[in-house]
């Protein structure tokens, strides 16, 4: 659901496509999404970002989001296995 919302935001507020990277580490999955944004986009904490952050926290993870190098990035880290709180 986090990836779906990140891509929805990229389509709604971005210019063109989005870059997605998923990494499986020994105890966590890391998801990164980056997209370029239009100049008129405000980078505020809308409901989509709040929902993504809440989902990550419910799973014992973290979510960082913000403007980055002319675009917007989201990084979620979600533990699995024995590291789940």
Protein backbone atom coordinates (compact mmCIF):
# COMPACT_ATOMS: atom_id res chain seq x y z
CA UNK A 1 0.00 0.00 0.00
CA UNK A 2 2.92 2.38 0.69
CA UNK A 3 4.29 1.85 -2.82
CA UNK A 4 0.83 2.33 -4.33
CA UNK A 5 0.35 5.65 -2.54
CA UNK A 6 3.88 6.83 -3.43
CA UNK A 7 3.24 6.11 -7.11
CA UNK A 8 -0.18 7.80 -6.96
CA UNK A 9 1.47 10.91 -5.52
CA UNK A 10 4.18 10.77 -8.21
CA UNK A 11 1.54 10.58 -10.96
CA UNK A 12 -0.54 13.36 -9.40
CA UNK A 13 2.24 15.81 -8.54
CA UNK A 14 5.24 14.75 -10.61
CA UNK A 15 6.68 15.20 -14.06
CA UNK A 16 6.98 11.95 -15.94
CA UNK A 17 7.87 8.68 -14.28
CA UNK A 18 9.16 7.59 -10.93
CA UNK A 19 12.17 5.56 -9.87
CA UNK A 20 11.45 2.65 -7.52
CA UNK A 21 14.05 0.64 -5.64
CA UNK A 22 13.25 -2.28 -3.34
CA UNK A 23 15.99 -3.84 -1.22
CA UNK A 24 15.68 -6.99 0.85
CA UNK A 25 18.09 -6.97 3.76
CA UNK A 26 18.47 -9.73 6.35
CA UNK A 27 15.86 -8.21 8.69
CA UNK A 28 14.10 -5.45 6.75
CA UNK A 29 12.66 -4.45 3.42
CA UNK A 30 13.63 -0.99 2.22
CA UNK A 31 11.53 0.83 -0.34
CA UNK A 32 12.69 4.00 -2.09
CA UNK A 33 10.64 6.05 -4.55
CA UNK A 34 11.88 9.23 -6.24
CA UNK A 35 10.22 11.41 -8.85
CA UNK A 36 10.82 14.85 -10.30
CA UNK A 37 8.18 17.42 -9.41
CA UNK A 38 6.67 20.44 -11.08
CA UNK A 39 7.78 23.85 -9.82
CA UNK A 40 4.29 24.68 -8.51
CA UNK A 41 4.05 21.67 -6.19
CA UNK A 42 3.97 22.32 -2.44
CA UNK A 43 5.77 19.65 -0.43
CA UNK A 44 3.46 19.55 2.57
CA UNK A 45 2.42 16.60 4.70
CA UNK A 46 -0.80 15.65 2.96
CA UNK A 47 -3.06 12.79 3.96
CA UNK A 48 -1.23 10.33 1.70
CA UNK A 49 2.08 10.91 3.47
CA UNK A 50 0.42 10.66 6.87
CA UNK A 51 -1.17 7.34 5.89
CA UNK A 52 2.12 5.94 4.56
CA UNK A 53 3.92 6.93 7.74
CA UNK A 54 1.19 5.39 9.92
CA UNK A 55 1.38 2.11 7.98
CA UNK A 56 5.16 1.96 8.36
CA UNK A 57 4.98 2.65 12.11
CA UNK A 58 2.26 0.00 12.60
CA UNK A 59 4.70 -2.52 11.12
CA UNK A 60 7.52 -1.34 13.40
CA UNK A 61 9.21 0.58 10.60
CA UNK A 62 9.95 4.13 9.55
CA UNK A 63 9.09 6.40 6.64
CA UNK A 64 11.01 9.49 5.59
CA UNK A 65 9.73 11.79 2.85
CA UNK A 66 10.65 15.18 1.47
CA UNK A 67 11.99 17.33 -1.33
CA UNK A 68 15.28 16.08 -2.78
CA UNK A 69 17.37 17.22 -5.78
CA UNK A 70 14.54 18.79 -7.79
CA UNK A 71 12.08 16.08 -6.89
CA UNK A 72 10.43 14.24 -4.06
CA UNK A 73 11.63 11.08 -2.33
CA UNK A 74 10.08 8.53 -0.03
CA UNK A 75 12.09 5.96 1.92
CA UNK A 76 10.31 3.28 3.94
CA UNK A 77 12.10 0.70 6.06
CA UNK A 78 9.93 -2.20 7.18
CA UNK A 79 11.30 -4.93 9.47
CA UNK A 80 10.35 -8.57 9.08
CA UNK A 81 11.17 -11.82 10.79
CA UNK A 82 12.39 -11.70 14.36
CA UNK A 83 12.93 -7.90 14.33
CA UNK A 84 9.22 -7.11 14.24
CA UNK A 85 8.19 -5.27 17.40
